[in-house]
Amino acid sequence: PVLGTRHSLRDVLALYQVREVLVAMPK
């Protein structure tokens, strides 16, 4: 699941039990 963008990262980390953040970009 994609839970948000970088702009929502703080909220996503607070609201969900995130096990790992993946940055899906080559560079």
PDB file of all heavy atoms in Angstrom:
ATOM      1  N   PRO A   1       0.821  -1.213   0.000  1.00  0.00           N
ATOM      2  CA  PRO A   1       0.000   0.000   0.000  1.00  0.00           C
ATOM      3  C   PRO A   1       0.852   1.259   0.000  1.00  0.00           C
ATOM      4  O   PRO A   1       1.880   1.331   0.669  1.00  0.00           O
ATOM      5  CB  PRO A   1      -0.794  -0.107   1.304  1.00  0.00           C
ATOM      6  CG  PRO A   1       0.023  -0.982   2.183  1.00  0.00           C
ATOM      7  CD  PRO A   1       0.766  -1.931   1.272  1.00  0.00           C
ATOM      8  N   VAL A   2       0.434   2.233  -0.780  1.00  0.00           N
ATOM      9  CA  VAL A   2       1.064   3.549  -0.773  1.00  0.00           C
ATOM     10  C   VAL A   2       0.245   4.397   0.200  1.00  0.00           C
ATOM     11  O   VAL A   2      -0.915   4.692  -0.050  1.00  0.00           O
ATOM     12  CB  VAL A   2       1.072   4.176  -2.186  1.00  0.00           C
ATOM     13  CG1 VAL A   2       1.645   5.585  -2.137  1.00  0.00           C
ATOM     14  CG2 VAL A   2       1.855   3.296  -3.149  1.00  0.00           C
ATOM     15  N   LEU A   3       0.828   4.754   1.317  1.00  0.00           N
ATOM     16  CA  LEU A   3       0.097   5.437   2.372  1.00  0.00           C
ATOM     17  C   LEU A   3       0.162   6.951   2.260  1.00  0.00           C
ATOM     18  O   LEU A   3      -0.573   7.653   2.946  1.00  0.00           O
ATOM     19  CB  LEU A   3       0.616   4.995   3.745  1.00  0.00           C
ATOM     20  CG  LEU A   3       0.488   3.493   4.029  1.00  0.00           C
ATOM     21  CD1 LEU A   3       1.114   3.165   5.371  1.00  0.00           C
ATOM     22  CD2 LEU A   3      -0.956   3.054   3.969  1.00  0.00           C
ATOM     23  N   GLY A   4       1.042   7.474   1.417  1.00  0.00           N
ATOM     24  CA  GLY A   4       1.105   8.915   1.263  1.00  0.00           C
ATOM     25  C   GLY A   4       2.370   9.353   0.558  1.00  0.00           C
ATOM     26  O   GLY A   4       3.175   8.548   0.112  1.00  0.00           O
ATOM     27  N   THR A   5       2.518  10.657   0.492  1.00  0.00           N
ATOM     28  CA  THR A   5       3.692  11.269  -0.118  1.00  0.00           C
ATOM     29  C   THR A   5       4.617  11.769   0.988  1.00  0.00           C
ATOM     30  O   THR A   5       4.315  11.636   2.167  1.00  0.00           O
ATOM     31  CB  THR A   5       3.281  12.461  -0.995  1.00  0.00           C
ATOM     32  OG1 THR A   5       2.750  13.482  -0.134  1.00  0.00           O
ATOM     33  CG2 THR A   5       2.241  12.062  -2.026  1.00  0.00           C
ATOM     34  N   ARG A   6       5.696  12.386   0.599  1.00  0.00           N
ATOM     35  CA  ARG A   6       6.606  12.923   1.614  1.00  0.00           C
ATOM     36  C   ARG A   6       5.917  13.966   2.474  1.00  0.00           C
ATOM     37  O   ARG A   6       6.231  14.116   3.636  1.00  0.00           O
ATOM     38  CB  ARG A   6       7.870  13.482   0.981  1.00  0.00           C
ATOM     39  CG  ARG A   6       7.730  14.898   0.477  1.00  0.00           C
ATOM     40  CD  ARG A   6       9.060  15.560   0.348  1.00  0.00           C
ATOM     41  NE  ARG A   6       9.321  15.934  -1.027  1.00  0.00           N
ATOM     42  CZ  ARG A   6      10.415  16.549  -1.387  1.00  0.00           C
ATOM     43  NH1 ARG A   6      11.346  16.824  -0.524  1.00  0.00           N
ATOM     44  NH2 ARG A   6      10.612  16.876  -2.625  1.00  0.00           N
ATOM     45  N   HIS A   7       4.945  14.647   1.908  1.00  0.00           N
ATOM     46  CA  HIS A   7       4.258  15.696   2.650  1.00  0.00           C
ATOM     47  C   HIS A   7       3.363  15.136   3.754  1.00  0.00           C
ATOM     48  O   HIS A   7       3.031  15.854   4.696  1.00  0.00           O
ATOM     49  CB  HIS A   7       3.462  16.577   1.689  1.00  0.00           C
ATOM     50  CG  HIS A   7       4.321  17.164   0.605  1.00  0.00           C
ATOM     51  ND1 HIS A   7       5.284  18.125   0.854  1.00  0.00           N
ATOM     52  CD2 HIS A   7       4.392  16.889  -0.716  1.00  0.00           C
ATOM     53  CE1 HIS A   7       5.903  18.420  -0.277  1.00  0.00           C
ATOM     54  NE2 HIS A   7       5.386  17.697  -1.246  1.00  0.00           N
ATOM     55  N   SER A   8       2.979  13.873   3.642  1.00  0.00           N
ATOM     56  CA  SER A   8       2.152  13.256   4.674  1.00  0.00           C
ATOM     57  C   SER A   8       2.934  12.267   5.531  1.00  0.00           C
ATOM     58  O   SER A   8       2.352  11.571   6.360  1.00  0.00           O
ATOM     59  CB  SER A   8       0.945  12.556   4.033  1.00  0.00           C
ATOM     60  OG  SER A   8       1.375  11.562   3.128  1.00  0.00           O
ATOM     61  N   LEU A   9       4.248  12.210   5.358  1.00  0.00           N
ATOM     62  CA  LEU A   9       5.066  11.214   6.048  1.00  0.00           C
ATOM     63  C   LEU A   9       4.916  11.288   7.563  1.00  0.00           C
ATOM     64  O   LEU A   9       4.744  10.269   8.227  1.00  0.00           O
ATOM     65  CB  LEU A   9       6.538  11.362   5.649  1.00  0.00           C
ATOM     66  CG  LEU A   9       7.504  10.363   6.284  1.00  0.00           C
ATOM     67  CD1 LEU A   9       7.128   8.929   5.947  1.00  0.00           C
ATOM     68  CD2 LEU A   9       8.932  10.654   5.837  1.00  0.00           C
ATOM     69  N   ARG A  10       4.964  12.465   8.119  1.00  0.00           N
ATOM     70  CA  ARG A  10       4.855  12.616   9.565  1.00  0.00           C
ATOM     71  C   ARG A  10       3.543  12.011  10.083  1.00  0.00           C
ATOM     72  O   ARG A  10       3.522  11.272  11.054  1.00  0.00           O
ATOM     73  CB  ARG A  10       4.943  14.077   9.970  1.00  0.00           C
ATOM     74  CG  ARG A  10       4.886  14.295  11.468  1.00  0.00           C
ATOM     75  CD  ARG A  10       4.906  15.748  11.830  1.00  0.00           C
ATOM     76  NE  ARG A  10       5.894  16.456  11.023  1.00  0.00           N
ATOM     77  CZ  ARG A  10       6.347  17.652  11.264  1.00  0.00           C
ATOM     78  NH1 ARG A  10       5.899  18.317  12.302  1.00  0.00           N
ATOM     79  NH2 ARG A  10       7.223  18.229  10.498  1.00  0.00           N
ATOM     80  N   ASP A  11       2.444  12.324   9.399  1.00  0.00           N
ATOM     81  CA  ASP A  11       1.139  11.799   9.805  1.00  0.00           C
ATOM     82  C   ASP A  11       1.049  10.289   9.602  1.00  0.00           C
ATOM     83  O   ASP A  11       0.515   9.568  10.447  1.00  0.00           O
ATOM     84  CB  ASP A  11       0.012  12.480   9.025  1.00  0.00           C
ATOM     85  CG  ASP A  11      -0.134  13.943   9.391  1.00  0.00           C
ATOM     86  OD1 ASP A  11       0.260  14.337  10.511  1.00  0.00           O
ATOM     87  OD2 ASP A  11      -0.654  14.711   8.556  1.00  0.00           O
ATOM     88  N   VAL A  12       1.569   9.807   8.488  1.00  0.00           N
ATOM     89  CA  VAL A  12       1.538   8.365   8.205  1.00  0.00           C
ATOM     90  C   VAL A  12       2.311   7.600   9.279  1.00  0.00           C
ATOM     91  O   VAL A  12       1.845   6.576   9.779  1.00  0.00           O
ATOM     92  CB  VAL A  12       2.096   8.069   6.793  1.00  0.00           C
ATOM     93  CG1 VAL A  12       2.377   6.589   6.607  1.00  0.00           C
ATOM     94  CG2 VAL A  12       1.141   8.572   5.723  1.00  0.00           C
ATOM     95  N   LEU A  13       3.474   8.107   9.660  1.00  0.00           N
ATOM     96  CA  LEU A  13       4.262   7.436  10.692  1.00  0.00           C
ATOM     97  C   LEU A  13       3.545   7.434  12.041  1.00  0.00           C
ATOM     98  O   LEU A  13       3.674   6.493  12.817  1.00  0.00           O
ATOM     99  CB  LEU A  13       5.646   8.090  10.824  1.00  0.00           C
ATOM    100  CG  LEU A  13       6.584   7.889   9.636  1.00  0.00           C
ATOM    101  CD1 LEU A  13       7.859   8.703   9.823  1.00  0.00           C
ATOM    102  CD2 LEU A  13       6.908   6.420   9.420  1.00  0.00           C
ATOM    103  N   ALA A  14       2.764   8.478  12.294  1.00  0.00           N
ATOM    104  CA  ALA A  14       2.040   8.570  13.564  1.00  0.00           C
ATOM    105  C   ALA A  14       0.771   7.717  13.570  1.00  0.00           C
ATOM    106  O   ALA A  14       0.401   7.171  14.611  1.00  0.00           O
ATOM    107  CB  ALA A  14       1.689  10.028  13.856  1.00  0.00           C
ATOM    108  N   LEU A  15       0.116   7.592  12.423  1.00  0.00           N
ATOM    109  CA  LEU A  15      -1.183   6.919  12.362  1.00  0.00           C
ATOM    110  C   LEU A  15      -1.118   5.419  12.101  1.00  0.00           C
ATOM    111  O   LEU A  15      -2.017   4.679  12.483  1.00  0.00           O
ATOM    112  CB  LEU A  15      -2.055   7.558  11.277  1.00  0.00           C
ATOM    113  CG  LEU A  15      -2.491   8.995  11.530  1.00  0.00           C
ATOM    114  CD1 LEU A  15      -3.170   9.570  10.296  1.00  0.00           C
ATOM    115  CD2 LEU A  15      -3.431   9.049  12.720  1.00  0.00           C
ATOM    116  N   TYR A  16      -0.092   4.972  11.419  1.00  0.00           N
ATOM    117  CA  TYR A  16       0.013   3.567  11.017  1.00  0.00           C
ATOM    118  C   TYR A  16       1.209   2.918  11.693  1.00  0.00           C
ATOM    119  O   TYR A  16       2.157   3.586  12.079  1.00  0.00           O
ATOM    120  CB  TYR A  16       0.159   3.445   9.496  1.00  0.00           C
ATOM    121  CG  TYR A  16      -1.013   3.995   8.728  1.00  0.00           C
ATOM    122  CD1 TYR A  16      -1.011   5.317   8.275  1.00  0.00           C
ATOM    123  CD2 TYR A  16      -2.120   3.211   8.454  1.00  0.00           C
ATOM    124  CE1 TYR A  16      -2.086   5.829   7.567  1.00  0.00           C
ATOM    125  CE2 TYR A  16      -3.198   3.718   7.742  1.00  0.00           C
ATOM    126  CZ  TYR A  16      -3.171   5.024   7.305  1.00  0.00           C
ATOM    127  OH  TYR A  16      -4.230   5.537   6.599  1.00  0.00           O
ATOM    128  N   GLN A  17       1.170   1.617  11.785  1.00  0.00           N
ATOM    129  CA  GLN A  17       2.313   0.883  12.323  1.00  0.00           C
ATOM    130  C   GLN A  17       3.254   0.560  11.161  1.00  0.00           C
ATOM    131  O   GLN A  17       3.353  -0.580  10.713  1.00  0.00           O
ATOM    132  CB  GLN A  17       1.850  -0.384  13.042  1.00  0.00           C
ATOM    133  CG  GLN A  17       1.036  -0.087  14.276  1.00  0.00           C
ATOM    134  CD  GLN A  17       0.561  -1.343  14.965  1.00  0.00           C
ATOM    135  OE1 GLN A  17       0.445  -2.404  14.355  1.00  0.00           O
ATOM    136  NE2 GLN A  17       0.284  -1.230  16.245  1.00  0.00           N
ATOM    137  N   VAL A  18       3.931   1.585  10.698  1.00  0.00           N
ATOM    138  CA  VAL A  18       4.818   1.458   9.544  1.00  0.00           C
ATOM    139  C   VAL A  18       6.050   0.658   9.949  1.00  0.00           C
ATOM    140  O   VAL A  18       6.702   0.956  10.943  1.00  0.00           O
ATOM    141  CB  VAL A  18       5.227   2.858   9.021  1.00  0.00           C
ATOM    142  CG1 VAL A  18       6.232   2.740   7.895  1.00  0.00           C
ATOM    143  CG2 VAL A  18       3.996   3.640   8.584  1.00  0.00           C
ATOM    144  N   ARG A  19       6.344  -0.383   9.175  1.00  0.00           N
ATOM    145  CA  ARG A  19       7.526  -1.214   9.460  1.00  0.00           C
ATOM    146  C   ARG A  19       8.753  -0.734   8.695  1.00  0.00           C
ATOM    147  O   ARG A  19       9.875  -0.942   9.129  1.00  0.00           O
ATOM    148  CB  ARG A  19       7.248  -2.669   9.113  1.00  0.00           C
ATOM    149  CG  ARG A  19       6.221  -3.294  10.040  1.00  0.00           C
ATOM    150  CD  ARG A  19       6.017  -4.733   9.747  1.00  0.00           C
ATOM    151  NE  ARG A  19       5.445  -4.858   8.395  1.00  0.00           N
ATOM    152  CZ  ARG A  19       5.108  -5.993   7.834  1.00  0.00           C
ATOM    153  NH1 ARG A  19       5.283  -7.120   8.475  1.00  0.00           N
ATOM    154  NH2 ARG A  19       4.597  -6.023   6.626  1.00  0.00           N
ATOM    155  N   GLU A  20       8.516  -0.083   7.542  1.00  0.00           N
ATOM    156  CA  GLU A  20       9.628   0.411   6.740  1.00  0.00           C
ATOM    157  C   GLU A  20       9.091   1.412   5.727  1.00  0.00           C
ATOM    158  O   GLU A  20       7.997   1.243   5.206  1.00  0.00           O
ATOM    159  CB  GLU A  20      10.308  -0.751   6.006  1.00  0.00           C
ATOM    160  CG  GLU A  20      11.540  -0.362   5.235  1.00  0.00           C
ATOM    161  CD  GLU A  20      12.257  -1.563   4.626  1.00  0.00           C
ATOM    162  OE1 GLU A  20      11.599  -2.590   4.352  1.00  0.00           O
ATOM    163  OE2 GLU A  20      13.464  -1.472   4.437  1.00  0.00           O
ATOM    164  N   VAL A  21       9.871   2.441   5.450  1.00  0.00           N
ATOM    165  CA  VAL A  21       9.528   3.423   4.424  1.00  0.00           C
ATOM    166  C   VAL A  21      10.386   3.129   3.201  1.00  0.00           C
ATOM    167  O   VAL A  21      11.610   2.996   3.304  1.00  0.00           O
ATOM    168  CB  VAL A  21       9.772   4.861   4.928  1.00  0.00           C
ATOM    169  CG1 VAL A  21       9.633   5.863   3.796  1.00  0.00           C
ATOM    170  CG2 VAL A  21       8.812   5.192   6.059  1.00  0.00           C
ATOM    171  N   LEU A  22       9.730   3.015   2.052  1.00  0.00           N
ATOM    172  CA  LEU A  22      10.433   2.768   0.800  1.00  0.00           C
ATOM    173  C   LEU A  22      10.344   4.016  -0.065  1.00  0.00           C
ATOM    174  O   LEU A  22       9.253   4.520  -0.317  1.00  0.00           O
ATOM    175  CB  LEU A  22       9.795   1.590   0.054  1.00  0.00           C
ATOM    176  CG  LEU A  22       9.709   0.279   0.823  1.00  0.00           C
ATOM    177  CD1 LEU A  22       8.994  -0.773  -0.017  1.00  0.00           C
ATOM    178  CD2 LEU A  22      11.080  -0.199   1.242  1.00  0.00           C
ATOM    179  N   VAL A  23      11.492   4.496  -0.497  1.00  0.00           N
ATOM    180  CA  VAL A  23      11.547   5.626  -1.430  1.00  0.00           C
ATOM    181  C   VAL A  23      11.676   5.007  -2.813  1.00  0.00           C
ATOM    182  O   VAL A  23      12.726   4.476  -3.171  1.00  0.00           O
ATOM    183  CB  VAL A  23      12.737   6.561  -1.114  1.00  0.00           C
ATOM    184  CG1 VAL A  23      12.807   7.687  -2.122  1.00  0.00           C
ATOM    185  CG2 VAL A  23      12.630   7.096   0.307  1.00  0.00           C
ATOM    186  N   ALA A  24      10.577   5.040  -3.573  1.00  0.00           N
ATOM    187  CA  ALA A  24      10.518   4.358  -4.866  1.00  0.00           C
ATOM    188  C   ALA A  24      10.877   5.315  -5.995  1.00  0.00           C
ATOM    189  O   ALA A  24      10.037   5.720  -6.791  1.00  0.00           O
ATOM    190  CB  ALA A  24       9.132   3.765  -5.075  1.00  0.00           C
ATOM    191  N   MET A  25      12.152   5.677  -6.035  1.00  0.00           N
ATOM    192  CA  MET A  25      12.665   6.571  -7.079  1.00  0.00           C
ATOM    193  C   MET A  25      14.080   6.143  -7.411  1.00  0.00           C
ATOM    194  O   MET A  25      14.855   5.824  -6.515  1.00  0.00           O
ATOM    195  CB  MET A  25      12.714   8.015  -6.579  1.00  0.00           C
ATOM    196  CG  MET A  25      11.381   8.620  -6.221  1.00  0.00           C
ATOM    197  SD  MET A  25      11.584  10.281  -5.534  1.00  0.00           S
ATOM    198  CE  MET A  25      11.984  11.193  -7.015  1.00  0.00           C
ATOM    199  N   PRO A  26      14.447   6.153  -8.692  1.00  0.00           N
ATOM    200  CA  PRO A  26      15.809   5.760  -9.049  1.00  0.00           C
ATOM    201  C   PRO A  26      16.876   6.728  -8.529  1.00  0.00           C
ATOM    202  O   PRO A  26      17.923   6.306  -8.085  1.00  0.00           O
ATOM    203  CB  PRO A  26      15.816   5.709 -10.569  1.00  0.00           C
ATOM    204  CG  PRO A  26      14.473   6.122 -11.029  1.00  0.00           C
ATOM    205  CD  PRO A  26      13.613   6.416  -9.850  1.00  0.00           C
ATOM    206  N   LYS A  27      16.615   8.026  -8.585  1.00  0.00           N
ATOM    207  CA  LYS A  27      17.601   9.012  -8.133  1.00  0.00           C
ATOM    208  C   LYS A  27      16.880  10.087  -7.322  1.00  0.00           C
ATOM    209  O   LYS A  27      16.649  11.196  -7.800  1.00  0.00           O
ATOM    210  CB  LYS A  27      18.320   9.643  -9.322  1.00  0.00           C
ATOM    211  CG  LYS A  27      19.181   8.675 -10.092  1.00  0.00           C
ATOM    212  CD  LYS A  27      19.872   9.359 -11.247  1.00  0.00           C
ATOM    213  CE  LYS A  27      20.714   8.355 -12.025  1.00  0.00           C
ATOM    214  NZ  LYS A  27      21.363   8.956 -13.172  1.00  0.00           N
TER     215      LYS A  27
END
